[in-house]
N, C-alpha and C. Protein backbone atom coordinates (compact mmCIF):
# COMPACT_ATOMS: atom_id res chain seq x y z
N MET A 1 121.87 61.96 101.76
CA MET A 1 123.24 60.97 101.94
C MET A 1 124.61 61.12 101.12
N GLN A 2 125.27 61.81 101.94
CA GLN A 2 126.32 61.79 101.09
C GLN A 2 127.00 60.11 100.75
N LEU A 3 127.36 59.88 99.37
CA LEU A 3 128.14 59.09 99.33
C LEU A 3 129.25 58.79 98.55
N GLN A 4 130.21 58.06 98.77
CA GLN A 4 131.97 58.09 98.23
C GLN A 4 132.34 57.01 98.09
N ILE A 5 132.99 56.68 97.00
CA ILE A 5 133.51 55.05 96.42
C ILE A 5 134.16 55.46 95.74
N THR A 6 135.54 55.01 96.34
CA THR A 6 137.02 55.10 96.11
C THR A 6 137.46 53.70 95.41
N PHE A 7 137.79 53.26 94.48
CA PHE A 7 138.92 52.22 94.15
C PHE A 7 140.45 52.19 94.30
N ARG A 8 140.91 51.26 95.29
CA ARG A 8 142.76 51.47 95.12
C ARG A 8 142.85 50.24 94.62
N ASN A 9 144.08 50.19 94.17
CA ASN A 9 144.74 49.04 93.49
C ASN A 9 143.82 48.16 92.59
N VAL A 10 142.83 48.61 92.09
CA VAL A 10 142.08 47.60 91.61
C VAL A 10 140.99 48.56 90.31
N ASP A 11 141.07 47.91 89.53
CA ASP A 11 140.16 49.20 88.62
C ASP A 11 138.60 49.21 89.00
N SER A 12 138.39 50.32 88.70
CA SER A 12 136.53 50.64 89.07
C SER A 12 135.58 49.47 88.05
N SER A 13 134.71 49.35 88.68
CA SER A 13 133.74 48.41 88.28
C SER A 13 132.40 48.97 88.54
N ALA A 14 131.71 49.16 87.32
CA ALA A 14 130.24 50.19 87.19
C ALA A 14 129.24 48.54 88.35
N ALA A 15 129.61 47.73 87.55
CA ALA A 15 128.90 46.31 88.25
C ALA A 15 129.02 46.55 90.07
N LEU A 16 130.30 46.42 90.07
CA LEU A 16 130.58 46.52 91.87
C LEU A 16 130.33 47.89 92.47
N GLU A 17 130.24 48.85 91.91
CA GLU A 17 129.72 50.17 92.46
C GLU A 17 127.82 49.83 92.27
N ALA A 18 127.45 49.15 91.50
CA ALA A 18 125.94 48.88 91.37
C ALA A 18 125.58 48.41 92.87
N ARG A 19 126.38 47.69 92.79
CA ARG A 19 126.23 46.18 94.47
C ARG A 19 126.05 47.25 95.32
N ILE A 20 126.97 48.01 95.48
CA ILE A 20 127.51 48.86 96.74
C ILE A 20 126.58 49.80 97.18
N ARG A 21 125.61 50.62 95.97
CA ARG A 21 124.72 51.57 96.29
C ARG A 21 123.16 50.58 96.50
N GLU A 22 123.15 49.43 96.28
CA GLU A 22 122.11 48.55 96.54
C GLU A 22 122.51 48.19 98.06
N LEU A 23 123.39 48.02 98.09
CA LEU A 23 123.49 47.45 99.53
C LEU A 23 123.65 48.55 100.45
N ILE A 24 123.66 49.88 100.26
CA ILE A 24 123.55 51.16 101.22
C ILE A 24 122.12 51.51 101.02
N GLN A 25 121.42 51.38 99.84
CA GLN A 25 120.01 51.59 100.18
C GLN A 25 119.50 50.28 101.33
N LYS A 26 119.90 49.17 101.25
CA LYS A 26 119.51 48.33 102.28
C LYS A 26 119.42 48.47 103.66
N LEU A 27 120.83 49.29 103.86
CA LEU A 27 121.08 49.75 105.19
C LEU A 27 120.53 51.11 105.81
N GLN A 28 120.01 51.76 104.51
CA GLN A 28 119.01 52.79 105.08
C GLN A 28 118.00 52.41 105.23
N ARG A 29 117.60 50.89 104.97
CA ARG A 29 116.08 50.22 105.91
C ARG A 29 116.45 50.33 107.31
N PHE A 30 117.62 50.11 107.52
CA PHE A 30 117.70 49.80 109.02
C PHE A 30 117.75 50.83 109.91
N SER A 31 118.63 52.16 109.34
CA SER A 31 118.57 53.58 109.72
C SER A 31 118.39 54.50 108.81
N ASN A 32 117.30 55.60 109.74
CA ASN A 32 117.12 56.79 108.59
C ASN A 32 118.20 57.81 109.03
N GLN A 33 119.11 57.11 109.83
CA GLN A 33 120.08 58.12 110.56
C GLN A 33 121.19 58.58 109.78
N ILE A 34 121.69 58.00 108.44
CA ILE A 34 122.66 57.70 108.18
C ILE A 34 123.12 59.08 107.60
N ILE A 35 124.34 59.76 107.62
CA ILE A 35 124.13 61.25 107.00
C ILE A 35 125.37 61.29 106.05
N LYS A 36 126.62 59.80 106.11
CA LYS A 36 127.61 60.09 104.78
C LYS A 36 128.00 58.32 104.89
N CYS A 37 128.60 58.10 103.75
CA CYS A 37 128.59 56.73 103.82
C CYS A 37 129.97 56.77 102.61
N GLN A 38 131.18 56.35 102.98
CA GLN A 38 132.17 56.03 102.21
C GLN A 38 132.72 54.70 102.44
N VAL A 39 132.96 54.52 100.74
CA VAL A 39 133.40 52.57 100.99
C VAL A 39 134.50 52.85 99.86
N VAL A 40 135.70 52.18 100.42
CA VAL A 40 136.86 51.86 99.83
C VAL A 40 136.98 50.56 99.68
N VAL A 41 137.51 50.10 98.31
CA VAL A 41 137.08 48.96 97.89
C VAL A 41 138.89 48.95 97.43
N GLU A 42 139.62 47.58 97.97
CA GLU A 42 141.09 47.77 97.63
C GLU A 42 141.35 46.52 97.30
N ALA A 43 142.30 46.15 96.60
CA ALA A 43 142.88 45.13 96.50
C ALA A 43 144.09 45.04 96.88
N PRO A 44 145.13 44.45 98.10
CA PRO A 44 146.08 44.60 97.88
C PRO A 44 147.21 44.28 97.26
N HIS A 45 148.68 45.54 97.25
CA HIS A 45 149.29 45.37 96.18
C HIS A 45 150.17 43.90 96.32
N HIS A 46 151.08 43.76 97.27
CA HIS A 46 151.49 42.66 98.00
C HIS A 46 150.60 40.74 97.85
N GLN A 47 151.07 40.76 96.87
CA GLN A 47 150.10 39.18 96.86
C GLN A 47 151.17 38.25 96.67
N HIS A 48 150.91 36.93 97.25
CA HIS A 48 151.90 35.64 96.75
C HIS A 48 151.84 35.35 95.43
N HIS A 49 152.37 34.95 94.39
CA HIS A 49 152.16 34.46 93.54
C HIS A 49 150.99 33.17 93.02
N GLU A 50 151.10 32.41 94.51
CA GLU A 50 150.12 31.38 94.33
C GLU A 50 148.68 31.69 94.58
N GLN A 51 148.48 32.76 95.11
CA GLN A 51 146.88 33.39 95.12
C GLN A 51 146.32 34.43 94.86
N GLY A 52 145.13 34.68 94.60
CA GLY A 52 144.43 35.72 93.74
C GLY A 52 144.46 36.37 94.83
N ALA A 53 144.51 38.51 94.21
CA ALA A 53 144.09 39.34 95.16
C ALA A 53 143.06 38.79 96.02
N LEU A 54 142.93 39.42 97.34
CA LEU A 54 142.32 39.21 98.49
C LEU A 54 141.63 40.66 98.68
N PHE A 55 140.17 40.79 98.57
CA PHE A 55 139.46 41.97 98.30
C PHE A 55 139.24 42.65 99.75
N ASP A 56 139.75 43.86 99.80
CA ASP A 56 139.42 44.36 101.24
C ASP A 56 138.49 45.38 100.90
N PHE A 57 137.43 45.71 101.99
CA PHE A 57 136.40 47.05 101.85
C PHE A 57 136.51 47.42 102.69
N GLN A 58 136.49 48.84 102.63
CA GLN A 58 136.34 49.77 104.25
C GLN A 58 135.25 50.53 104.32
N VAL A 59 134.21 50.49 105.41
CA VAL A 59 132.83 51.06 104.95
C VAL A 59 132.80 52.14 106.50
N ASN A 60 132.90 53.45 106.09
CA ASN A 60 132.45 54.22 107.27
C ASN A 60 131.08 54.64 106.94
N ILE A 61 130.40 54.77 107.86
CA ILE A 61 129.21 55.37 108.20
C ILE A 61 128.68 56.20 109.07
N ALA A 62 128.80 57.72 109.19
CA ALA A 62 128.44 58.82 109.66
C ALA A 62 126.84 58.96 109.59
N VAL A 63 126.60 58.36 111.51
CA VAL A 63 125.65 58.85 111.72
C VAL A 63 125.35 59.89 113.02
N PRO A 64 124.27 60.58 113.29
CA PRO A 64 124.45 61.92 114.57
C PRO A 64 125.32 61.54 116.03
N GLY A 65 126.18 61.46 116.26
CA GLY A 65 126.74 61.49 117.40
C GLY A 65 128.01 60.27 117.45
N LYS A 66 127.94 59.50 116.09
CA LYS A 66 128.86 58.43 115.93
C LYS A 66 128.95 58.47 114.58
N GLU A 67 130.51 57.46 114.36
CA GLU A 67 130.93 57.26 113.03
C GLU A 67 131.18 55.35 113.17
N ILE A 68 130.65 54.79 112.63
CA ILE A 68 130.51 53.12 111.92
C ILE A 68 131.87 53.27 111.02
N ILE A 69 133.10 52.48 111.64
CA ILE A 69 133.53 51.84 111.22
C ILE A 69 134.12 50.57 110.74
N ILE A 70 133.85 50.11 109.57
CA ILE A 70 134.10 48.45 109.30
C ILE A 70 135.75 48.74 108.18
N GLY A 71 136.25 48.16 109.12
CA GLY A 71 137.70 48.16 107.96
C GLY A 71 138.03 46.41 108.41
N HIS A 72 138.17 45.70 106.83
CA HIS A 72 138.58 44.44 106.86
C HIS A 72 139.70 44.36 105.71
N THR A 73 140.56 45.17 106.37
CA THR A 73 142.24 45.49 105.84
C THR A 73 142.82 43.93 105.93
N HIS A 74 143.52 43.80 104.95
CA HIS A 74 143.96 42.93 104.79
C HIS A 74 143.67 41.51 105.13
N SER A 75 142.55 41.10 104.91
CA SER A 75 141.58 40.06 105.17
C SER A 75 142.57 38.40 104.96
N ARG A 76 142.65 37.85 105.55
CA ARG A 76 143.17 36.55 105.42
C ARG A 76 141.63 35.33 104.88
N ASN A 77 140.39 35.71 104.57
CA ASN A 77 139.60 34.69 104.14
C ASN A 77 139.81 34.72 102.69
N PRO A 78 140.06 33.38 102.44
CA PRO A 78 140.04 33.10 101.08
C PRO A 78 139.50 33.24 100.17
N ALA A 79 137.55 33.12 100.79
CA ALA A 79 136.94 33.44 100.11
C ALA A 79 136.78 34.81 99.21
N HIS A 80 137.47 36.07 100.25
CA HIS A 80 137.78 37.35 99.70
C HIS A 80 138.36 37.17 98.36
N THR A 81 138.65 36.50 97.77
CA THR A 81 139.26 36.03 96.38
C THR A 81 138.04 37.07 95.45
N ASN A 82 137.14 36.48 95.97
CA ASN A 82 135.55 36.91 95.02
C ASN A 82 135.07 38.63 95.95
N ALA A 83 135.49 39.31 95.15
CA ALA A 83 134.78 41.02 95.27
C ALA A 83 133.72 41.02 95.92
N TYR A 84 132.67 39.99 95.55
CA TYR A 84 131.05 40.20 96.10
C TYR A 84 131.32 39.59 97.53
N VAL A 85 131.61 38.80 97.57
CA VAL A 85 131.67 37.73 98.98
C VAL A 85 132.64 38.82 99.97
N ALA A 86 133.64 39.53 99.38
CA ALA A 86 134.20 40.54 100.76
C ALA A 86 133.49 41.73 100.96
N LEU A 87 132.58 42.07 99.91
CA LEU A 87 131.79 43.36 99.60
C LEU A 87 130.51 42.70 101.05
N ARG A 88 130.01 41.50 100.98
CA ARG A 88 128.86 40.84 101.28
C ARG A 88 129.48 41.32 103.18
N ASP A 89 130.31 40.67 103.34
CA ASP A 89 131.05 40.45 104.87
C ASP A 89 131.33 41.43 105.17
N ALA A 90 131.39 42.83 104.61
CA ALA A 90 131.69 43.94 105.48
C ALA A 90 130.47 44.97 105.46
N PHE A 91 129.33 44.58 104.45
CA PHE A 91 128.30 44.90 104.50
C PHE A 91 127.38 44.45 105.97
N ARG A 92 127.45 43.17 105.92
CA ARG A 92 126.74 42.45 107.10
C ARG A 92 127.57 43.23 108.55
N ALA A 93 128.67 43.59 108.73
CA ALA A 93 129.40 43.87 109.46
C ALA A 93 128.74 45.02 109.99
N ALA A 94 128.84 46.06 108.85
CA ALA A 94 127.76 47.25 109.04
C ALA A 94 126.63 47.53 109.57
N ARG A 95 125.71 46.11 108.70
CA ARG A 95 124.58 46.49 109.07
C ARG A 95 124.63 46.27 111.15
N ARG A 96 125.12 44.91 111.09
CA ARG A 96 125.13 44.78 112.51
C ARG A 96 125.42 45.76 113.66
N GLN A 97 126.23 46.74 113.31
CA GLN A 97 126.71 47.73 114.28
C GLN A 97 125.61 48.90 114.00
N LEU A 98 124.93 48.93 113.07
CA LEU A 98 124.31 50.17 112.64
C LEU A 98 122.87 49.77 113.29
N GLN A 99 122.51 48.41 113.49
CA GLN A 99 121.25 47.70 114.30
C GLN A 99 121.77 48.11 115.49
N GLU A 100 122.71 47.66 116.38
CA GLU A 100 123.03 48.25 117.93
C GLU A 100 122.70 49.59 117.87
N TYR A 101 123.25 50.52 117.16
CA TYR A 101 123.24 51.92 116.90
C TYR A 101 121.94 52.36 117.33
N GLU A 102 121.16 51.73 115.93
CA GLU A 102 119.41 52.01 116.57
C GLU A 102 118.84 51.81 117.82
N ARG A 103 119.47 50.36 118.05
CA ARG A 103 118.93 49.84 119.08
C ARG A 103 118.77 50.90 120.55
N ILE A 104 120.07 51.33 120.83
CA ILE A 104 120.98 52.04 121.88
C ILE A 104 120.21 53.58 121.60
N ARG A 105 120.13 53.92 120.49
CA ARG A 105 119.28 55.40 119.89
C ARG A 105 117.61 55.61 120.15
N ARG A 106 116.89 54.31 119.76
CA ARG A 106 115.46 54.05 120.52
C ARG A 106 115.50 53.99 121.79
N LEU A 107 116.36 53.44 122.84
CA LEU A 107 116.11 53.07 124.25
C LEU A 107 116.51 54.87 124.55
N GLU A 108 117.44 55.58 124.29
CA GLU A 108 117.43 56.89 124.64
C GLU A 108 116.72 57.72 124.12
N VAL A 109 115.70 57.43 123.02
CA VAL A 109 114.94 58.06 122.68
C VAL A 109 113.63 57.87 123.53
N LYS A 110 113.07 56.64 124.01
CA LYS A 110 112.11 56.22 124.74
C LYS A 110 112.24 56.81 126.62
N SER A 111 113.35 56.68 127.15
CA SER A 111 113.42 56.93 128.07
C SER A 111 113.70 58.87 128.33
N HIS A 112 113.45 59.51 127.61
CA HIS A 112 113.55 60.56 127.33
C HIS A 112 112.44 61.31 126.95
N SER A 113 111.72 60.17 126.16
CA SER A 113 110.21 60.81 125.99
C SER A 113 109.32 60.36 126.99
N ARG A 114 109.67 59.62 127.99
CA ARG A 114 108.56 59.61 129.19
C ARG A 114 108.17 60.79 129.80
N PRO A 115 106.84 60.79 129.99
CA PRO A 115 106.70 61.55 131.02
C PRO A 115 107.01 62.01 132.10
N GLN A 116 107.09 63.06 132.72
CA GLN A 116 108.28 62.54 133.93
C GLN A 116 107.02 63.05 135.05
N VAL A 117 107.21 62.09 135.89
CA VAL A 117 106.30 61.63 136.90
C VAL A 117 106.69 62.47 138.52
N ASN A 118 105.91 63.32 139.01
CA ASN A 118 105.87 63.92 140.04
C ASN A 118 105.81 62.82 141.14
N VAL A 119 107.11 62.49 142.08
CA VAL A 119 106.62 61.59 143.03
C VAL A 119 106.84 62.12 144.22
N SER A 120 105.95 62.31 144.51
CA SER A 120 105.29 63.34 146.26
C SER A 120 104.33 62.54 146.72
N GLN A 121 104.99 62.19 148.18
CA GLN A 121 104.44 61.40 149.09
C GLN A 121 103.49 61.74 149.62
N GLU A 122 102.13 61.31 149.43
CA GLU A 122 101.28 62.00 150.42
C GLU A 122 100.90 61.02 151.52
N HIS A 123 100.47 61.77 152.39
CA HIS A 123 100.52 61.16 153.73
C HIS A 123 99.04 61.17 153.85
N GLY A 124 98.04 60.21 154.61
CA GLY A 124 96.52 60.14 154.78
C GLY A 124 97.07 60.61 156.09
N ALA A 125 95.50 61.22 157.04
CA ALA A 125 94.89 61.52 157.83
C ALA A 125 95.78 60.11 158.97
N GLY A 126 96.26 59.23 159.02
CA GLY A 126 96.29 58.24 160.17
C GLY A 126 98.10 58.14 159.99
N SER A 127 98.50 59.16 159.66
CA SER A 127 100.33 59.13 159.43
C SER A 127 100.36 59.96 160.68
C-alpha cells in the first residue's frame, strides 16, 4: 500500500506521523483492499486571536473501484484544537466508510459466487 502524509501550514511532527501510521494499520484490519492512502494535516492560516488553531485532516483512501474521501476541512469543533482529537475523528469517519465499502463488496462477492441453479420445470405424468 502506498502512503503519503503531507503537513500544510503546520510543522511536521514525528509523533503525529507515527500515530497516523498506527491508525492506517488499524484500517487495514477492516480491509485488505486498500491500495493507497493520502493524509493531509492542516492548520488553517486564518485564525482569530482568541482561539487556537483548529486542525483539519483530509484522508483519501483508494480501494478497487472507489475512492473514499474524508475531508474535515475548516472544522468548527473546538476539540479540534488538539491535533490528535481531530485525527481520531477523521479516521473514525474513514473507518465507517471503509466498513460500508467492505459490506457492499462482500455482498457482491456472495451473490457472484453462488452456484448457478438451472430452473427448469419438470412436469410429471399427470400434467
